[in-house]
Amino acid sequence: MSQPNGKLAEYWRANLRLMAILLAIWFIVSFGAGILFADALDSIRIFGFKLGFFFAQQGAIYVFVGLIFFYAWRMNQIERHYDVHEE
């Protein structure tokens, strides 16, 4: 990696920005939908379960796994953009 320091700093800013956004989404889904807004979401049913209960038990896990795959896909794009990818 013979990149100028400015380009590496931009790469890490992009990486940290992506992680902050994904962690915020994870927090909103797991804490917000599973705990804070569970009562409001319980009026909606999914697969026969109340939506608040579903997010607290299963939905947050599905979102988290989806975020992991999105992070890997997006980081590949960012690494190619900043030319720090592995061949």
N, C-alpha and C. Protein backbone atom coordinates (compact mmCIF):
# COMPACT_ATOMS: atom_id res chain seq x y z
N MET A 1 0.83 -1.17 0.00
CA MET A 1 0.00 0.00 0.00
C MET A 1 0.88 1.24 0.00
N SER A 2 1.20 1.69 -1.14
CA SER A 2 2.00 2.89 -1.26
C SER A 2 1.11 4.09 -1.59
N GLN A 3 0.08 4.29 -0.79
CA GLN A 3 -0.88 5.37 -1.00
C GLN A 3 -0.45 6.61 -0.22
N PRO A 4 -0.73 7.77 -0.74
CA PRO A 4 -0.49 8.99 0.03
C PRO A 4 -1.37 9.00 1.27
N ASN A 5 -0.89 9.66 2.31
CA ASN A 5 -1.63 9.68 3.58
C ASN A 5 -3.02 10.27 3.42
N GLY A 6 -3.19 11.26 2.56
CA GLY A 6 -4.51 11.86 2.36
C GLY A 6 -5.52 10.88 1.82
N LYS A 7 -5.10 10.05 0.90
CA LYS A 7 -6.01 9.06 0.31
C LYS A 7 -6.39 7.98 1.34
N LEU A 8 -5.43 7.58 2.15
CA LEU A 8 -5.74 6.60 3.21
C LEU A 8 -6.67 7.20 4.26
N ALA A 9 -6.47 8.47 4.57
CA ALA A 9 -7.36 9.14 5.53
C ALA A 9 -8.78 9.19 4.97
N GLU A 10 -8.93 9.47 3.68
CA GLU A 10 -10.26 9.47 3.05
C GLU A 10 -10.89 8.07 3.11
N TYR A 11 -10.07 7.06 2.88
CA TYR A 11 -10.55 5.67 2.93
C TYR A 11 -11.10 5.37 4.33
N TRP A 12 -10.35 5.73 5.37
CA TRP A 12 -10.79 5.43 6.72
C TRP A 12 -12.01 6.26 7.11
N ARG A 13 -12.10 7.49 6.62
CA ARG A 13 -13.30 8.29 6.87
C ARG A 13 -14.52 7.63 6.24
N ALA A 14 -14.36 7.14 5.01
CA ALA A 14 -15.47 6.45 4.34
C ALA A 14 -15.86 5.18 5.10
N ASN A 15 -14.87 4.45 5.58
CA ASN A 15 -15.11 3.22 6.33
C ASN A 15 -15.84 3.53 7.64
N LEU A 16 -15.36 4.52 8.38
CA LEU A 16 -15.98 4.87 9.66
C LEU A 16 -17.38 5.44 9.46
N ARG A 17 -17.59 6.22 8.40
CA ARG A 17 -18.91 6.76 8.11
C ARG A 17 -19.89 5.62 7.82
N LEU A 18 -19.47 4.65 7.02
CA LEU A 18 -20.32 3.50 6.71
C LEU A 18 -20.64 2.71 7.98
N MET A 19 -19.65 2.48 8.82
CA MET A 19 -19.89 1.74 10.06
C MET A 19 -20.84 2.49 10.97
N ALA A 20 -20.70 3.81 11.07
CA ALA A 20 -21.59 4.61 11.92
C ALA A 20 -23.03 4.52 11.43
N ILE A 21 -23.23 4.61 10.12
CA ILE A 21 -24.58 4.53 9.55
C ILE A 21 -25.19 3.16 9.82
N LEU A 22 -24.41 2.10 9.59
CA LEU A 22 -24.94 0.75 9.79
C LEU A 22 -25.20 0.45 11.26
N LEU A 23 -24.34 0.95 12.14
CA LEU A 23 -24.58 0.76 13.58
C LEU A 23 -25.82 1.52 14.03
N ALA A 24 -26.06 2.69 13.46
CA ALA A 24 -27.27 3.45 13.80
C ALA A 24 -28.51 2.69 13.35
N ILE A 25 -28.47 2.12 12.15
CA ILE A 25 -29.60 1.32 11.66
C ILE A 25 -29.82 0.12 12.57
N TRP A 26 -28.73 -0.57 12.94
CA TRP A 26 -28.84 -1.72 13.82
C TRP A 26 -29.45 -1.33 15.17
N PHE A 27 -29.00 -0.18 15.71
CA PHE A 27 -29.52 0.28 17.00
C PHE A 27 -31.01 0.60 16.90
N ILE A 28 -31.39 1.32 15.85
CA ILE A 28 -32.80 1.69 15.68
C ILE A 28 -33.68 0.46 15.56
N VAL A 29 -33.21 -0.53 14.79
CA VAL A 29 -34.02 -1.74 14.60
C VAL A 29 -34.06 -2.57 15.87
N SER A 30 -32.92 -2.81 16.48
CA SER A 30 -32.90 -3.71 17.65
C SER A 30 -33.49 -3.04 18.89
N PHE A 31 -33.07 -1.83 19.20
CA PHE A 31 -33.55 -1.16 20.41
C PHE A 31 -34.88 -0.46 20.17
N GLY A 32 -34.96 0.24 19.04
CA GLY A 32 -36.18 0.99 18.76
C GLY A 32 -37.37 0.11 18.47
N ALA A 33 -37.24 -0.74 17.44
CA ALA A 33 -38.37 -1.59 17.05
C ALA A 33 -38.62 -2.70 18.05
N GLY A 34 -37.57 -3.20 18.68
CA GLY A 34 -37.74 -4.32 19.61
C GLY A 34 -38.16 -3.91 21.01
N ILE A 35 -37.86 -2.65 21.41
CA ILE A 35 -38.15 -2.24 22.78
C ILE A 35 -39.00 -0.97 22.84
N LEU A 36 -38.48 0.13 22.27
CA LEU A 36 -39.16 1.41 22.42
C LEU A 36 -40.50 1.48 21.71
N PHE A 37 -40.55 1.00 20.48
CA PHE A 37 -41.77 1.10 19.68
C PHE A 37 -42.52 -0.23 19.59
N ALA A 38 -42.20 -1.16 20.45
CA ALA A 38 -42.82 -2.49 20.39
C ALA A 38 -44.34 -2.42 20.57
N ASP A 39 -44.79 -1.60 21.50
CA ASP A 39 -46.23 -1.52 21.74
C ASP A 39 -46.96 -0.98 20.51
N ALA A 40 -46.39 0.03 19.87
CA ALA A 40 -47.02 0.60 18.68
C ALA A 40 -46.99 -0.39 17.52
N LEU A 41 -45.92 -1.16 17.41
CA LEU A 41 -45.78 -2.13 16.32
C LEU A 41 -46.62 -3.38 16.53
N ASP A 42 -47.06 -3.62 17.76
CA ASP A 42 -47.82 -4.83 18.05
C ASP A 42 -49.18 -4.87 17.37
N SER A 43 -49.64 -3.74 16.86
CA SER A 43 -50.92 -3.75 16.15
C SER A 43 -50.79 -4.35 14.76
N ILE A 44 -49.56 -4.52 14.28
CA ILE A 44 -49.29 -5.12 12.97
C ILE A 44 -48.83 -6.56 13.20
N ARG A 45 -49.31 -7.47 12.39
CA ARG A 45 -48.91 -8.87 12.52
C ARG A 45 -48.10 -9.31 11.32
N ILE A 46 -47.09 -10.15 11.56
CA ILE A 46 -46.26 -10.73 10.51
C ILE A 46 -46.06 -12.21 10.86
N PHE A 47 -46.35 -13.07 9.94
CA PHE A 47 -46.28 -14.52 10.16
C PHE A 47 -47.07 -14.95 11.38
N GLY A 48 -48.15 -14.23 11.69
CA GLY A 48 -49.00 -14.56 12.82
C GLY A 48 -48.52 -14.01 14.15
N PHE A 49 -47.38 -13.33 14.18
CA PHE A 49 -46.85 -12.76 15.41
C PHE A 49 -46.97 -11.25 15.38
N LYS A 50 -47.07 -10.65 16.54
CA LYS A 50 -47.07 -9.20 16.63
C LYS A 50 -45.72 -8.68 16.15
N LEU A 51 -45.72 -7.58 15.40
CA LEU A 51 -44.50 -7.08 14.78
C LEU A 51 -43.45 -6.68 15.82
N GLY A 52 -43.85 -6.09 16.94
CA GLY A 52 -42.90 -5.74 17.99
C GLY A 52 -42.22 -6.97 18.55
N PHE A 53 -42.98 -8.02 18.80
CA PHE A 53 -42.42 -9.28 19.28
C PHE A 53 -41.50 -9.89 18.23
N PHE A 54 -41.91 -9.83 16.95
CA PHE A 54 -41.10 -10.40 15.88
C PHE A 54 -39.74 -9.72 15.80
N PHE A 55 -39.72 -8.38 15.86
CA PHE A 55 -38.44 -7.67 15.81
C PHE A 55 -37.59 -7.96 17.03
N ALA A 56 -38.20 -8.08 18.18
CA ALA A 56 -37.43 -8.37 19.40
C ALA A 56 -36.82 -9.76 19.35
N GLN A 57 -37.51 -10.73 18.73
CA GLN A 57 -37.04 -12.10 18.74
C GLN A 57 -36.29 -12.52 17.48
N GLN A 58 -36.74 -12.10 16.30
CA GLN A 58 -36.17 -12.58 15.05
C GLN A 58 -35.75 -11.47 14.10
N GLY A 59 -36.60 -10.47 13.95
CA GLY A 59 -36.41 -9.44 12.94
C GLY A 59 -35.09 -8.70 13.06
N ALA A 60 -34.67 -8.38 14.28
CA ALA A 60 -33.42 -7.66 14.48
C ALA A 60 -32.23 -8.51 14.03
N ILE A 61 -32.32 -9.81 14.22
CA ILE A 61 -31.24 -10.71 13.79
C ILE A 61 -31.16 -10.74 12.28
N TYR A 62 -32.31 -10.80 11.60
CA TYR A 62 -32.33 -10.79 10.13
C TYR A 62 -31.74 -9.49 9.59
N VAL A 63 -32.11 -8.38 10.19
CA VAL A 63 -31.58 -7.09 9.76
C VAL A 63 -30.07 -7.05 9.99
N PHE A 64 -29.60 -7.55 11.13
CA PHE A 64 -28.18 -7.54 11.43
C PHE A 64 -27.39 -8.37 10.41
N VAL A 65 -27.89 -9.54 10.06
CA VAL A 65 -27.22 -10.37 9.05
C VAL A 65 -27.21 -9.66 7.70
N GLY A 66 -28.32 -9.02 7.35
CA GLY A 66 -28.37 -8.24 6.12
C GLY A 66 -27.36 -7.10 6.12
N LEU A 67 -27.20 -6.45 7.26
CA LEU A 67 -26.21 -5.36 7.38
C LEU A 67 -24.79 -5.87 7.21
N ILE A 68 -24.51 -7.07 7.68
CA ILE A 68 -23.18 -7.66 7.52
C ILE A 68 -22.88 -7.87 6.04
N PHE A 69 -23.83 -8.44 5.31
CA PHE A 69 -23.62 -8.65 3.88
C PHE A 69 -23.50 -7.32 3.13
N PHE A 70 -24.32 -6.34 3.49
CA PHE A 70 -24.23 -5.03 2.86
C PHE A 70 -22.87 -4.38 3.14
N TYR A 71 -22.40 -4.50 4.39
CA TYR A 71 -21.10 -3.92 4.75
C TYR A 71 -19.99 -4.55 3.91
N ALA A 72 -19.99 -5.86 3.76
CA ALA A 72 -18.95 -6.53 2.97
C ALA A 72 -19.00 -6.08 1.52
N TRP A 73 -20.20 -5.99 0.95
CA TRP A 73 -20.36 -5.56 -0.44
C TRP A 73 -19.89 -4.12 -0.63
N ARG A 74 -20.33 -3.25 0.27
CA ARG A 74 -19.98 -1.82 0.15
C ARG A 74 -18.49 -1.59 0.40
N MET A 75 -17.90 -2.33 1.34
CA MET A 75 -16.46 -2.15 1.62
C MET A 75 -15.64 -2.60 0.42
N ASN A 76 -16.08 -3.61 -0.29
CA ASN A 76 -15.37 -4.00 -1.52
C ASN A 76 -15.37 -2.85 -2.52
N GLN A 77 -16.50 -2.17 -2.64
CA GLN A 77 -16.56 -1.02 -3.54
C GLN A 77 -15.65 0.11 -3.07
N ILE A 78 -15.67 0.39 -1.79
CA ILE A 78 -14.84 1.47 -1.24
C ILE A 78 -13.37 1.14 -1.40
N GLU A 79 -12.99 -0.11 -1.13
CA GLU A 79 -11.59 -0.52 -1.27
C GLU A 79 -11.12 -0.40 -2.71
N ARG A 80 -11.96 -0.74 -3.65
CA ARG A 80 -11.59 -0.59 -5.06
C ARG A 80 -11.47 0.88 -5.44
N HIS A 81 -12.36 1.70 -4.91
CA HIS A 81 -12.33 3.13 -5.21
C HIS A 81 -11.02 3.77 -4.72
N TYR A 82 -10.57 3.39 -3.53
CA TYR A 82 -9.35 3.95 -2.95
C TYR A 82 -8.12 3.11 -3.26
N ASP A 83 -8.27 2.08 -4.08
CA ASP A 83 -7.18 1.22 -4.53
C ASP A 83 -6.41 0.58 -3.36
N VAL A 84 -7.18 0.05 -2.40
CA VAL A 84 -6.57 -0.68 -1.28
C VAL A 84 -7.13 -2.11 -1.21
N HIS A 85 -7.71 -2.57 -2.31
CA HIS A 85 -8.31 -3.90 -2.34
C HIS A 85 -7.25 -4.97 -2.52
N GLU A 86 -7.65 -6.18 -2.16
CA GLU A 86 -6.77 -7.34 -2.34
C GLU A 86 -7.13 -8.03 -3.65
N GLU A 87 -6.15 -8.56 -4.32
CA GLU A 87 -6.40 -9.26 -5.58
C GLU A 87 -6.57 -10.74 -5.32
